[in-house]
Amino acid sequence: MFEQFQSLDLFPVNFFDVITNLVVALVCGLIIAVVYRFIYKGSSYSVTYVNSLVLLTLITSVVILVIGNNLARAFGLVGAMSIIRFRTAVRDVQDIVYLFFALSVGMAAGVGLHLIAIASTVVISLVAIVLVTFNFGAPRKLEYLIQISYASSTESDLIINDILKQHCKKFNLVNLKNLGDENVEAFYQVRYKQKEKSNELIRELRQIEHVMHVNMFFDDNDADAL
């Protein structure tokens, strides 16, 4: 009975089917890699990752071809793949999305669903481009965090408040840390009246006596300090 189960072919394929599936997977993988390269805006761009998207689509197609040809191989391959551990940290959520994108398209190409593979690649790629082009998901009003380290005094506090009132629509003290010797580190959440004058605000704060340093970040703390 086991021998009959082992020789059961669910999706018999020939050489032409294999080549066709791999070509479709290659074309779709290249499209995915090009779109990723076009829309990526992070600081950790990796050429290796872009190339891996193409290879991952092809490899997934091969895996599906192997699994689909014999039911016994499916169980054996699942057991073999379960011992593999990937320890590379993915820094950006978008990178994970594109990994699933490449896997899904490779699976579709591997089972011979060429129309689904090509159509989904084109549609999802167009959606990704449109989202980036129109900056979808960006907050309507950007808020920032300003970090000020200074020697605390009534005079310094009043001057800082006056400067913030002059340049910001609103500002809130969100954190205050005691650094010792009357030195403090204050974090203000601010929304500028005119974003183009943000450098002027930072410059005026740095000119205050007893102010040691001033940094500005996006509110999600992902931006580099000025």
N, C-alpha and C. Protein backbone atom coordinates (compact mmCIF):
# COMPACT_ATOMS: atom_id res chain seq x y z
N MET A 1 0.84 -1.21 0.00
CA MET A 1 0.00 0.00 0.00
C MET A 1 0.87 1.25 0.00
N PHE A 2 1.96 1.21 0.78
CA PHE A 2 2.85 2.37 0.82
C PHE A 2 3.49 2.63 -0.54
N GLU A 3 3.83 1.54 -1.26
CA GLU A 3 4.43 1.70 -2.58
C GLU A 3 3.44 2.34 -3.54
N GLN A 4 2.15 1.98 -3.45
CA GLN A 4 1.15 2.60 -4.30
C GLN A 4 1.00 4.08 -3.96
N PHE A 5 1.04 4.38 -2.67
CA PHE A 5 0.93 5.77 -2.23
C PHE A 5 2.12 6.60 -2.69
N GLN A 6 3.30 5.98 -2.67
CA GLN A 6 4.52 6.68 -3.05
C GLN A 6 4.56 6.99 -4.54
N SER A 7 3.96 6.12 -5.35
CA SER A 7 4.01 6.30 -6.80
C SER A 7 2.82 7.07 -7.35
N LEU A 8 1.99 7.62 -6.44
CA LEU A 8 0.80 8.34 -6.89
C LEU A 8 1.21 9.69 -7.46
N ASP A 9 0.92 9.93 -8.73
CA ASP A 9 1.22 11.20 -9.40
C ASP A 9 -0.05 12.01 -9.53
N LEU A 10 -0.07 13.16 -8.85
CA LEU A 10 -1.26 14.00 -8.91
C LEU A 10 -1.18 15.00 -10.05
N PHE A 11 0.01 15.54 -10.28
CA PHE A 11 0.18 16.55 -11.32
C PHE A 11 1.37 16.19 -12.20
N PRO A 12 1.21 15.23 -13.08
CA PRO A 12 2.33 14.86 -13.95
C PRO A 12 2.72 16.02 -14.86
N VAL A 13 4.02 16.25 -14.98
CA VAL A 13 4.51 17.35 -15.81
C VAL A 13 5.54 16.82 -16.78
N ASN A 14 5.74 17.56 -17.86
CA ASN A 14 6.76 17.21 -18.83
C ASN A 14 7.79 18.33 -18.90
N PHE A 15 8.79 18.16 -19.73
CA PHE A 15 9.89 19.13 -19.82
C PHE A 15 9.38 20.50 -20.24
N PHE A 16 8.44 20.55 -21.17
CA PHE A 16 7.90 21.83 -21.62
C PHE A 16 7.19 22.56 -20.49
N ASP A 17 6.44 21.83 -19.66
CA ASP A 17 5.74 22.44 -18.53
C ASP A 17 6.73 23.03 -17.52
N VAL A 18 7.81 22.30 -17.26
CA VAL A 18 8.81 22.78 -16.32
C VAL A 18 9.44 24.08 -16.81
N ILE A 19 9.85 24.11 -18.07
CA ILE A 19 10.49 25.31 -18.63
C ILE A 19 9.52 26.48 -18.64
N THR A 20 8.27 26.22 -19.01
CA THR A 20 7.27 27.29 -19.05
C THR A 20 7.04 27.88 -17.67
N ASN A 21 6.89 27.00 -16.68
CA ASN A 21 6.67 27.48 -15.31
C ASN A 21 7.84 28.30 -14.80
N LEU A 22 9.05 27.85 -15.10
CA LEU A 22 10.23 28.58 -14.64
C LEU A 22 10.37 29.93 -15.34
N VAL A 23 10.04 29.98 -16.62
CA VAL A 23 10.11 31.25 -17.35
C VAL A 23 9.11 32.24 -16.79
N VAL A 24 7.88 31.77 -16.53
CA VAL A 24 6.86 32.65 -15.94
C VAL A 24 7.31 33.14 -14.56
N ALA A 25 7.86 32.24 -13.76
CA ALA A 25 8.35 32.62 -12.43
C ALA A 25 9.49 33.63 -12.54
N LEU A 26 10.38 33.45 -13.51
CA LEU A 26 11.49 34.38 -13.70
C LEU A 26 10.99 35.76 -14.08
N VAL A 27 10.07 35.83 -15.03
CA VAL A 27 9.53 37.13 -15.47
C VAL A 27 8.84 37.83 -14.31
N CYS A 28 8.02 37.10 -13.57
CA CYS A 28 7.31 37.70 -12.44
C CYS A 28 8.29 38.13 -11.35
N GLY A 29 9.30 37.30 -11.10
CA GLY A 29 10.30 37.66 -10.10
C GLY A 29 11.06 38.92 -10.46
N LEU A 30 11.39 39.07 -11.73
CA LEU A 30 12.08 40.28 -12.19
C LEU A 30 11.20 41.51 -12.01
N ILE A 31 9.90 41.37 -12.31
CA ILE A 31 8.98 42.50 -12.14
C ILE A 31 8.91 42.89 -10.67
N ILE A 32 8.80 41.89 -9.79
CA ILE A 32 8.73 42.16 -8.36
C ILE A 32 9.99 42.87 -7.88
N ALA A 33 11.15 42.41 -8.33
CA ALA A 33 12.41 43.02 -7.91
C ALA A 33 12.54 44.46 -8.40
N VAL A 34 12.12 44.71 -9.65
CA VAL A 34 12.21 46.06 -10.21
C VAL A 34 11.27 47.01 -9.47
N VAL A 35 10.07 46.55 -9.17
CA VAL A 35 9.11 47.38 -8.43
C VAL A 35 9.64 47.70 -7.04
N TYR A 36 10.19 46.69 -6.37
CA TYR A 36 10.76 46.92 -5.04
C TYR A 36 11.88 47.95 -5.11
N ARG A 37 12.73 47.81 -6.11
CA ARG A 37 13.84 48.76 -6.26
C ARG A 37 13.32 50.17 -6.53
N PHE A 38 12.22 50.27 -7.27
CA PHE A 38 11.68 51.58 -7.64
C PHE A 38 11.03 52.28 -6.45
N ILE A 39 10.31 51.54 -5.60
CA ILE A 39 9.52 52.18 -4.55
C ILE A 39 10.22 52.22 -3.20
N TYR A 40 11.35 51.51 -3.06
CA TYR A 40 11.99 51.45 -1.74
C TYR A 40 12.56 52.82 -1.36
N LYS A 41 12.27 53.27 -0.13
CA LYS A 41 12.73 54.57 0.33
C LYS A 41 13.48 54.49 1.66
N GLY A 42 13.77 53.30 2.13
CA GLY A 42 14.46 53.15 3.40
C GLY A 42 15.95 53.41 3.28
N SER A 43 16.64 53.18 4.40
CA SER A 43 18.08 53.45 4.45
C SER A 43 18.92 52.18 4.41
N SER A 44 18.26 51.01 4.31
CA SER A 44 19.00 49.75 4.34
C SER A 44 18.80 48.95 3.05
N TYR A 45 18.88 49.66 1.91
CA TYR A 45 18.69 49.00 0.62
C TYR A 45 19.80 47.98 0.39
N SER A 46 19.41 46.80 -0.08
CA SER A 46 20.37 45.72 -0.29
C SER A 46 20.21 45.14 -1.69
N VAL A 47 21.29 45.16 -2.45
CA VAL A 47 21.28 44.55 -3.78
C VAL A 47 21.07 43.04 -3.67
N THR A 48 21.66 42.45 -2.65
CA THR A 48 21.50 41.01 -2.43
C THR A 48 20.03 40.65 -2.22
N TYR A 49 19.32 41.48 -1.46
CA TYR A 49 17.91 41.20 -1.22
C TYR A 49 17.10 41.29 -2.51
N VAL A 50 17.38 42.27 -3.34
CA VAL A 50 16.66 42.42 -4.60
C VAL A 50 16.89 41.20 -5.49
N ASN A 51 18.14 40.77 -5.59
CA ASN A 51 18.44 39.57 -6.38
C ASN A 51 17.77 38.33 -5.78
N SER A 52 17.69 38.29 -4.46
CA SER A 52 17.08 37.15 -3.79
C SER A 52 15.59 37.03 -4.10
N LEU A 53 14.93 38.15 -4.34
CA LEU A 53 13.51 38.10 -4.69
C LEU A 53 13.29 37.33 -5.99
N VAL A 54 14.17 37.56 -6.96
CA VAL A 54 14.07 36.84 -8.23
C VAL A 54 14.33 35.35 -8.01
N LEU A 55 15.39 35.05 -7.28
CA LEU A 55 15.73 33.64 -7.04
C LEU A 55 14.67 32.94 -6.20
N LEU A 56 14.11 33.65 -5.23
CA LEU A 56 13.09 33.05 -4.38
C LEU A 56 11.86 32.66 -5.18
N THR A 57 11.47 33.49 -6.13
CA THR A 57 10.33 33.15 -6.98
C THR A 57 10.60 31.89 -7.78
N LEU A 58 11.81 31.79 -8.34
CA LEU A 58 12.17 30.59 -9.11
C LEU A 58 12.24 29.35 -8.21
N ILE A 59 12.87 29.48 -7.06
CA ILE A 59 13.03 28.33 -6.17
C ILE A 59 11.67 27.84 -5.66
N THR A 60 10.79 28.76 -5.33
CA THR A 60 9.45 28.37 -4.89
C THR A 60 8.72 27.61 -5.99
N SER A 61 8.90 28.06 -7.23
CA SER A 61 8.28 27.36 -8.35
C SER A 61 8.81 25.93 -8.46
N VAL A 62 10.12 25.76 -8.26
CA VAL A 62 10.72 24.42 -8.32
C VAL A 62 10.19 23.54 -7.20
N VAL A 63 10.09 24.12 -5.99
CA VAL A 63 9.58 23.35 -4.86
C VAL A 63 8.15 22.87 -5.12
N ILE A 64 7.33 23.74 -5.67
CA ILE A 64 5.95 23.36 -5.97
C ILE A 64 5.90 22.29 -7.05
N LEU A 65 6.80 22.38 -8.03
CA LEU A 65 6.87 21.34 -9.06
C LEU A 65 7.21 19.99 -8.45
N VAL A 66 8.14 19.98 -7.51
CA VAL A 66 8.53 18.73 -6.86
C VAL A 66 7.38 18.17 -6.02
N ILE A 67 6.74 19.05 -5.26
CA ILE A 67 5.64 18.60 -4.40
C ILE A 67 4.46 18.12 -5.23
N GLY A 68 4.14 18.86 -6.28
CA GLY A 68 2.95 18.53 -7.07
C GLY A 68 3.09 17.26 -7.88
N ASN A 69 4.28 16.79 -8.09
CA ASN A 69 4.49 15.61 -8.93
C ASN A 69 4.26 14.30 -8.19
N ASN A 70 4.42 14.30 -6.87
CA ASN A 70 4.31 13.05 -6.12
C ASN A 70 3.86 13.36 -4.70
N LEU A 71 2.80 12.70 -4.26
CA LEU A 71 2.24 13.00 -2.95
C LEU A 71 3.19 12.62 -1.83
N ALA A 72 3.94 11.53 -1.99
CA ALA A 72 4.89 11.12 -0.96
C ALA A 72 6.00 12.14 -0.82
N ARG A 73 6.44 12.73 -1.92
CA ARG A 73 7.49 13.74 -1.86
C ARG A 73 7.03 14.97 -1.08
N ALA A 74 5.74 15.26 -1.15
CA ALA A 74 5.22 16.42 -0.44
C ALA A 74 5.48 16.29 1.05
N PHE A 75 5.15 15.13 1.62
CA PHE A 75 5.38 14.92 3.05
C PHE A 75 6.87 14.89 3.36
N GLY A 76 7.65 14.28 2.50
CA GLY A 76 9.09 14.23 2.73
C GLY A 76 9.73 15.60 2.67
N LEU A 77 9.27 16.43 1.72
CA LEU A 77 9.84 17.76 1.57
C LEU A 77 9.45 18.67 2.72
N VAL A 78 8.23 18.52 3.21
CA VAL A 78 7.80 19.30 4.38
C VAL A 78 8.68 18.98 5.58
N GLY A 79 8.98 17.69 5.76
CA GLY A 79 9.86 17.32 6.86
C GLY A 79 11.26 17.85 6.70
N ALA A 80 11.77 17.83 5.46
CA ALA A 80 13.12 18.33 5.21
C ALA A 80 13.20 19.85 5.40
N MET A 81 12.19 20.57 4.93
CA MET A 81 12.20 22.02 5.04
C MET A 81 12.03 22.49 6.48
N SER A 82 11.40 21.65 7.32
CA SER A 82 11.15 22.05 8.70
C SER A 82 12.43 22.17 9.53
N ILE A 83 13.52 21.57 9.07
CA ILE A 83 14.77 21.63 9.83
C ILE A 83 15.59 22.87 9.49
N ILE A 84 15.15 23.63 8.48
CA ILE A 84 15.88 24.83 8.07
C ILE A 84 15.49 25.98 8.99
N ARG A 85 16.47 26.73 9.45
CA ARG A 85 16.23 27.88 10.30
C ARG A 85 16.85 29.12 9.65
N PHE A 86 16.03 30.15 9.51
CA PHE A 86 16.51 31.40 8.94
C PHE A 86 16.68 32.41 10.07
N ARG A 87 17.90 32.89 10.24
CA ARG A 87 18.22 33.78 11.35
C ARG A 87 18.49 35.22 10.91
N THR A 88 18.34 35.52 9.63
CA THR A 88 18.57 36.87 9.16
C THR A 88 17.42 37.77 9.57
N ALA A 89 17.73 38.86 10.25
CA ALA A 89 16.69 39.79 10.70
C ALA A 89 16.23 40.66 9.54
N VAL A 90 14.92 40.77 9.38
CA VAL A 90 14.35 41.63 8.35
C VAL A 90 14.04 42.98 8.99
N ARG A 91 14.66 44.04 8.52
CA ARG A 91 14.57 45.34 9.17
C ARG A 91 13.27 46.07 8.86
N ASP A 92 12.72 45.86 7.66
CA ASP A 92 11.56 46.62 7.22
C ASP A 92 10.39 45.69 6.99
N VAL A 93 9.20 46.11 7.42
CA VAL A 93 7.99 45.32 7.19
C VAL A 93 7.76 45.13 5.69
N GLN A 94 8.11 46.12 4.91
CA GLN A 94 7.93 46.03 3.46
C GLN A 94 8.75 44.88 2.88
N ASP A 95 9.91 44.60 3.45
CA ASP A 95 10.73 43.49 2.98
C ASP A 95 10.00 42.16 3.19
N ILE A 96 9.33 42.01 4.33
CA ILE A 96 8.58 40.79 4.59
C ILE A 96 7.43 40.65 3.60
N VAL A 97 6.77 41.75 3.30
CA VAL A 97 5.66 41.73 2.34
C VAL A 97 6.13 41.24 0.98
N TYR A 98 7.29 41.72 0.55
CA TYR A 98 7.78 41.30 -0.76
C TYR A 98 8.27 39.86 -0.76
N LEU A 99 8.72 39.37 0.39
CA LEU A 99 9.05 37.95 0.47
C LEU A 99 7.81 37.10 0.24
N PHE A 100 6.70 37.46 0.88
CA PHE A 100 5.46 36.73 0.68
C PHE A 100 4.95 36.91 -0.75
N PHE A 101 5.15 38.08 -1.31
CA PHE A 101 4.78 38.36 -2.70
C PHE A 101 5.49 37.39 -3.63
N ALA A 102 6.81 37.28 -3.48
CA ALA A 102 7.59 36.39 -4.33
C ALA A 102 7.21 34.93 -4.11
N LEU A 103 6.98 34.53 -2.86
CA LEU A 103 6.57 33.16 -2.57
C LEU A 103 5.24 32.82 -3.22
N SER A 104 4.28 33.72 -3.11
CA SER A 104 2.95 33.47 -3.65
C SER A 104 2.97 33.34 -5.16
N VAL A 105 3.69 34.23 -5.81
CA VAL A 105 3.77 34.18 -7.28
C VAL A 105 4.53 32.94 -7.73
N GLY A 106 5.59 32.58 -6.99
CA GLY A 106 6.32 31.36 -7.33
C GLY A 106 5.45 30.12 -7.20
N MET A 107 4.58 30.09 -6.18
CA MET A 107 3.67 28.97 -6.03
C MET A 107 2.69 28.89 -7.19
N ALA A 108 2.14 30.03 -7.59
CA ALA A 108 1.20 30.04 -8.71
C ALA A 108 1.87 29.58 -10.00
N ALA A 109 3.09 30.06 -10.23
CA ALA A 109 3.81 29.64 -11.44
C ALA A 109 4.17 28.16 -11.38
N GLY A 110 4.49 27.67 -10.19
CA GLY A 110 4.88 26.27 -10.04
C GLY A 110 3.79 25.28 -10.36
N VAL A 111 2.55 25.63 -10.04
CA VAL A 111 1.42 24.73 -10.33
C VAL A 111 0.83 24.96 -11.71
N GLY A 112 1.44 25.86 -12.48
CA GLY A 112 0.98 26.09 -13.85
C GLY A 112 -0.13 27.11 -14.00
N LEU A 113 -0.42 27.85 -12.94
CA LEU A 113 -1.45 28.89 -13.01
C LEU A 113 -0.80 30.19 -13.49
N HIS A 114 -0.42 30.19 -14.75
CA HIS A 114 0.34 31.31 -15.30
C HIS A 114 -0.45 32.61 -15.31
N LEU A 115 -1.73 32.51 -15.62
CA LEU A 115 -2.55 33.72 -15.67
C LEU A 115 -2.63 34.37 -14.30
N ILE A 116 -2.82 33.55 -13.27
CA ILE A 116 -2.88 34.10 -11.91
C ILE A 116 -1.54 34.71 -11.52
N ALA A 117 -0.45 34.03 -11.85
CA ALA A 117 0.88 34.53 -11.49
C ALA A 117 1.16 35.88 -12.15
N ILE A 118 0.89 35.97 -13.45
CA ILE A 118 1.19 37.21 -14.18
C ILE A 118 0.24 38.33 -13.79
N ALA A 119 -1.07 38.01 -13.73
CA ALA A 119 -2.06 39.04 -13.41
C ALA A 119 -1.85 39.58 -12.00
N SER A 120 -1.61 38.70 -11.04
CA SER A 120 -1.41 39.16 -9.66
C SER A 120 -0.14 39.99 -9.54
N THR A 121 0.92 39.60 -10.26
CA THR A 121 2.16 40.38 -10.22
C THR A 121 1.93 41.79 -10.75
N VAL A 122 1.25 41.89 -11.87
CA VAL A 122 1.00 43.20 -12.48
C VAL A 122 0.11 44.06 -11.60
N VAL A 123 -0.99 43.49 -11.12
CA VAL A 123 -1.95 44.26 -10.33
C VAL A 123 -1.34 44.71 -9.02
N ILE A 124 -0.70 43.80 -8.29
CA ILE A 124 -0.10 44.16 -7.00
C ILE A 124 1.02 45.18 -7.18
N SER A 125 1.80 45.02 -8.25
CA SER A 125 2.88 45.98 -8.51
C SER A 125 2.32 47.37 -8.80
N LEU A 126 1.25 47.43 -9.58
CA LEU A 126 0.63 48.73 -9.88
C LEU A 126 0.07 49.37 -8.61
N VAL A 127 -0.56 48.57 -7.77
CA VAL A 127 -1.09 49.09 -6.50
C VAL A 127 0.05 49.64 -5.63
N ALA A 128 1.16 48.91 -5.57
CA ALA A 128 2.30 49.36 -4.77
C ALA A 128 2.86 50.68 -5.29
N ILE A 129 2.96 50.80 -6.61
CA ILE A 129 3.47 52.03 -7.21
C ILE A 129 2.54 53.20 -6.93
N VAL A 130 1.23 52.97 -7.06
CA VAL A 130 0.25 54.04 -6.81
C VAL A 130 0.30 54.48 -5.35
N LEU A 131 0.41 53.54 -4.42
CA LEU A 131 0.47 53.89 -3.00
C LEU A 131 1.68 54.77 -2.70
N VAL A 132 2.82 54.43 -3.29
CA VAL A 132 4.03 55.21 -3.04
C VAL A 132 3.96 56.56 -3.76
N THR A 133 3.45 56.57 -4.98
CA THR A 133 3.37 57.81 -5.75
C THR A 133 2.52 58.87 -5.05
N PHE A 134 1.39 58.44 -4.50
CA PHE A 134 0.49 59.39 -3.84
C PHE A 134 0.74 59.47 -2.33
N ASN A 135 1.84 58.85 -1.88
CA ASN A 135 2.24 58.93 -0.48
C ASN A 135 1.10 58.51 0.45
N PHE A 136 0.43 57.44 0.06
CA PHE A 136 -0.71 56.95 0.82
C PHE A 136 -0.26 56.48 2.21
N GLY A 137 -1.04 56.83 3.21
CA GLY A 137 -0.73 56.41 4.57
C GLY A 137 0.07 57.42 5.36
N ALA A 138 0.58 58.45 4.70
CA ALA A 138 1.34 59.47 5.44
C ALA A 138 0.38 60.31 6.28
N PRO A 139 0.78 60.72 7.46
CA PRO A 139 -0.09 61.54 8.30
C PRO A 139 -0.37 62.88 7.66
N ARG A 140 -1.60 63.36 7.85
CA ARG A 140 -1.98 64.64 7.24
C ARG A 140 -1.19 65.79 7.84
N LYS A 141 -0.92 65.71 9.13
CA LYS A 141 -0.16 66.76 9.81
C LYS A 141 1.01 66.10 10.53
N LEU A 142 2.21 66.38 10.08
CA LEU A 142 3.39 65.77 10.68
C LEU A 142 3.72 66.43 12.02
N GLU A 143 4.05 65.60 12.98
CA GLU A 143 4.51 66.09 14.27
C GLU A 143 5.92 65.58 14.51
N TYR A 144 6.67 66.33 15.31
CA TYR A 144 8.08 66.03 15.53
C TYR A 144 8.38 66.04 17.02
N LEU A 145 9.48 65.43 17.36
CA LEU A 145 10.00 65.46 18.72
C LEU A 145 11.28 66.29 18.74
N ILE A 146 11.34 67.21 19.66
CA ILE A 146 12.54 68.02 19.85
C ILE A 146 13.16 67.66 21.19
N GLN A 147 14.42 67.31 21.16
CA GLN A 147 15.17 66.94 22.36
C GLN A 147 16.09 68.10 22.73
N ILE A 148 15.95 68.59 23.95
CA ILE A 148 16.75 69.74 24.40
C ILE A 148 17.43 69.35 25.71
N SER A 149 18.75 69.45 25.73
CA SER A 149 19.52 69.22 26.95
C SER A 149 20.09 70.57 27.40
N TYR A 150 19.78 70.95 28.64
CA TYR A 150 20.20 72.28 29.11
C TYR A 150 20.24 72.31 30.63
N ALA A 151 20.85 73.37 31.15
CA ALA A 151 20.87 73.61 32.60
C ALA A 151 19.57 74.27 32.99
N SER A 152 18.79 73.56 33.78
CA SER A 152 17.44 74.03 34.09
C SER A 152 17.48 75.27 34.99
N SER A 153 16.66 76.24 34.58
CA SER A 153 16.45 77.44 35.38
C SER A 153 15.15 78.08 34.92
N THR A 154 14.59 78.93 35.75
CA THR A 154 13.33 79.59 35.39
C THR A 154 13.50 80.42 34.12
N GLU A 155 14.62 81.09 34.00
CA GLU A 155 14.86 81.92 32.83
C GLU A 155 14.97 81.08 31.56
N SER A 156 15.71 79.97 31.63
CA SER A 156 15.86 79.10 30.45
C SER A 156 14.53 78.51 30.04
N ASP A 157 13.73 78.08 31.01
CA ASP A 157 12.42 77.50 30.70
C ASP A 157 11.53 78.51 29.99
N LEU A 158 11.53 79.76 30.46
CA LEU A 158 10.70 80.79 29.84
C LEU A 158 11.15 81.09 28.42
N ILE A 159 12.47 81.17 28.20
CA ILE A 159 12.98 81.46 26.86
C ILE A 159 12.62 80.34 25.89
N ILE A 160 12.77 79.07 26.34
CA ILE A 160 12.44 77.93 25.48
C ILE A 160 10.95 77.95 25.13
N ASN A 161 10.09 78.23 26.11
CA ASN A 161 8.65 78.28 25.85
C ASN A 161 8.30 79.39 24.87
N ASP A 162 8.95 80.55 25.02
CA ASP A 162 8.68 81.67 24.11
C ASP A 162 9.07 81.32 22.67
N ILE A 163 10.22 80.67 22.49
CA ILE A 163 10.67 80.30 21.14
C ILE A 163 9.73 79.26 20.54
N LEU A 164 9.32 78.29 21.34
CA LEU A 164 8.41 77.26 20.83
C LEU A 164 7.06 77.87 20.45
N LYS A 165 6.55 78.80 21.23
CA LYS A 165 5.29 79.46 20.90
C LYS A 165 5.40 80.24 19.59
N GLN A 166 6.57 80.81 19.35
CA GLN A 166 6.77 81.61 18.15
C GLN A 166 6.74 80.77 16.88
N HIS A 167 7.27 79.55 16.94
CA HIS A 167 7.43 78.74 15.73
C HIS A 167 6.44 77.58 15.61
N CYS A 168 5.72 77.24 16.67
CA CYS A 168 4.89 76.03 16.65
C CYS A 168 3.42 76.35 16.86
N LYS A 169 2.57 75.60 16.16
CA LYS A 169 1.14 75.70 16.40
C LYS A 169 0.78 75.14 17.76
N LYS A 170 1.45 74.05 18.11
CA LYS A 170 1.25 73.48 19.43
C LYS A 170 2.52 72.76 19.85
N PHE A 171 2.73 72.64 21.15
CA PHE A 171 3.86 71.89 21.67
C PHE A 171 3.50 71.36 23.06
N ASN A 172 3.97 70.15 23.33
CA ASN A 172 3.71 69.51 24.62
C ASN A 172 5.00 68.91 25.16
N LEU A 173 5.24 69.10 26.43
CA LEU A 173 6.37 68.45 27.08
C LEU A 173 5.97 67.01 27.38
N VAL A 174 6.61 66.05 26.71
CA VAL A 174 6.21 64.64 26.84
C VAL A 174 7.14 63.86 27.77
N ASN A 175 8.35 64.37 28.00
CA ASN A 175 9.27 63.66 28.89
C ASN A 175 10.33 64.64 29.40
N LEU A 176 10.67 64.45 30.65
CA LEU A 176 11.70 65.30 31.27
C LEU A 176 12.58 64.40 32.12
N LYS A 177 13.89 64.38 31.80
CA LYS A 177 14.83 63.50 32.49
C LYS A 177 15.88 64.34 33.20
N ASN A 178 16.13 63.99 34.45
CA ASN A 178 17.14 64.69 35.24
C ASN A 178 18.51 64.07 34.95
N LEU A 179 19.46 64.90 34.47
CA LEU A 179 20.79 64.42 34.14
C LEU A 179 21.79 64.67 35.27
N GLY A 180 21.35 65.31 36.35
CA GLY A 180 22.26 65.62 37.44
C GLY A 180 22.86 67.00 37.32
N ASP A 181 23.25 67.60 38.44
CA ASP A 181 23.84 68.95 38.45
C ASP A 181 22.94 69.97 37.79
N GLU A 182 21.63 69.85 38.06
CA GLU A 182 20.62 70.78 37.53
C GLU A 182 20.47 70.70 36.01
N ASN A 183 21.13 69.74 35.38
CA ASN A 183 20.96 69.56 33.94
C ASN A 183 19.77 68.63 33.68
N VAL A 184 18.98 68.97 32.67
CA VAL A 184 17.81 68.16 32.32
C VAL A 184 17.80 67.90 30.82
N GLU A 185 17.05 66.88 30.44
CA GLU A 185 16.83 66.56 29.04
C GLU A 185 15.32 66.52 28.81
N ALA A 186 14.84 67.46 28.00
CA ALA A 186 13.41 67.60 27.78
C ALA A 186 13.05 67.19 26.35
N PHE A 187 11.93 66.49 26.23
CA PHE A 187 11.40 66.10 24.92
C PHE A 187 10.06 66.79 24.71
N TYR A 188 9.97 67.58 23.63
CA TYR A 188 8.75 68.28 23.29
C TYR A 188 8.17 67.70 21.99
N GLN A 189 6.87 67.44 22.02
CA GLN A 189 6.16 67.08 20.79
C GLN A 189 5.62 68.35 20.18
N VAL A 190 6.02 68.64 18.94
CA VAL A 190 5.67 69.93 18.34
C VAL A 190 5.05 69.75 16.96
N ARG A 191 4.27 70.75 16.60
CA ARG A 191 3.76 70.84 15.23
C ARG A 191 4.06 72.26 14.74
N TYR A 192 4.83 72.34 13.67
CA TYR A 192 5.31 73.64 13.20
C TYR A 192 4.21 74.45 12.54
N LYS A 193 4.36 75.77 12.66
CA LYS A 193 3.51 76.66 11.87
C LYS A 193 3.94 76.63 10.41
N GLN A 194 5.26 76.65 10.19
CA GLN A 194 5.83 76.57 8.85
C GLN A 194 7.01 75.61 8.90
N LYS A 195 6.84 74.44 8.27
CA LYS A 195 7.87 73.41 8.36
C LYS A 195 9.21 73.90 7.81
N GLU A 196 9.18 74.79 6.81
CA GLU A 196 10.42 75.24 6.21
C GLU A 196 11.27 76.07 7.16
N LYS A 197 10.69 76.51 8.27
CA LYS A 197 11.43 77.30 9.25
C LYS A 197 11.89 76.47 10.45
N SER A 198 11.86 75.15 10.30
CA SER A 198 12.26 74.28 11.42
C SER A 198 13.73 74.49 11.78
N ASN A 199 14.57 74.70 10.77
CA ASN A 199 16.00 74.93 11.05
C ASN A 199 16.21 76.21 11.86
N GLU A 200 15.36 77.21 11.61
CA GLU A 200 15.47 78.45 12.36
C GLU A 200 15.14 78.23 13.83
N LEU A 201 14.13 77.40 14.10
CA LEU A 201 13.78 77.07 15.49
C LEU A 201 14.94 76.37 16.18
N ILE A 202 15.52 75.37 15.52
CA ILE A 202 16.64 74.63 16.12
C ILE A 202 17.82 75.57 16.38
N ARG A 203 18.07 76.48 15.45
CA ARG A 203 19.19 77.41 15.61
C ARG A 203 18.96 78.34 16.80
N GLU A 204 17.76 78.84 16.97
CA GLU A 204 17.47 79.73 18.09
C GLU A 204 17.57 79.00 19.42
N LEU A 205 17.12 77.78 19.46
CA LEU A 205 17.22 77.01 20.70
C LEU A 205 18.68 76.75 21.07
N ARG A 206 19.51 76.48 20.08
CA ARG A 206 20.92 76.20 20.35
C ARG A 206 21.67 77.45 20.80
N GLN A 207 21.13 78.62 20.48
CA GLN A 207 21.79 79.87 20.87
C GLN A 207 21.47 80.29 22.30
N ILE A 208 20.52 79.58 22.94
CA ILE A 208 20.17 79.92 24.32
C ILE A 208 21.33 79.55 25.24
N GLU A 209 21.61 80.42 26.19
CA GLU A 209 22.69 80.15 27.14
C GLU A 209 22.37 78.93 27.98
N HIS A 210 23.37 78.10 28.22
CA HIS A 210 23.27 76.88 29.02
C HIS A 210 22.59 75.72 28.30
N VAL A 211 22.22 75.92 27.03
CA VAL A 211 21.69 74.79 26.26
C VAL A 211 22.87 74.02 25.68
N MET A 212 22.93 72.73 25.96
CA MET A 212 24.07 71.91 25.53
C MET A 212 23.89 71.35 24.12
N HIS A 213 22.74 70.80 23.82
CA HIS A 213 22.49 70.35 22.45
C HIS A 213 20.99 70.21 22.21
N VAL A 214 20.62 70.29 20.92
CA VAL A 214 19.22 70.19 20.49
C VAL A 214 19.15 69.26 19.30
N ASN A 215 18.25 68.30 19.36
CA ASN A 215 18.02 67.38 18.25
C ASN A 215 16.54 67.38 17.88
N MET A 216 16.25 67.05 16.63
CA MET A 216 14.87 66.94 16.18
C MET A 216 14.66 65.60 15.49
N PHE A 217 13.53 64.95 15.77
CA PHE A 217 13.19 63.65 15.18
C PHE A 217 11.76 63.69 14.68
N PHE A 218 11.44 62.80 13.74
CA PHE A 218 10.04 62.53 13.46
C PHE A 218 9.41 61.93 14.70
N ASP A 219 8.11 62.05 14.81
CA ASP A 219 7.43 61.59 16.02
C ASP A 219 7.53 60.09 16.24
N ASP A 220 7.79 59.30 15.13
CA ASP A 220 7.96 57.86 15.29
C ASP A 220 9.40 57.48 15.59
N ASN A 221 10.27 58.52 15.78
CA ASN A 221 11.68 58.29 16.15
C ASN A 221 12.46 57.54 15.09
N ASP A 222 11.99 57.59 13.81
CA ASP A 222 12.70 56.88 12.75
C ASP A 222 13.65 57.78 11.99
N ALA A 223 13.55 59.09 12.23
CA ALA A 223 14.37 60.00 11.46
C ALA A 223 15.72 60.16 12.13
N ASP A 224 16.68 60.65 11.35
CA ASP A 224 18.00 60.93 11.90
C ASP A 224 17.98 62.27 12.63
N ALA A 225 18.78 62.38 13.63
CA ALA A 225 18.89 63.65 14.36
C ALA A 225 19.51 64.70 13.48
N LEU A 226 19.00 65.91 13.66
CA LEU A 226 19.57 67.01 12.88
C LEU A 226 20.85 67.49 13.55
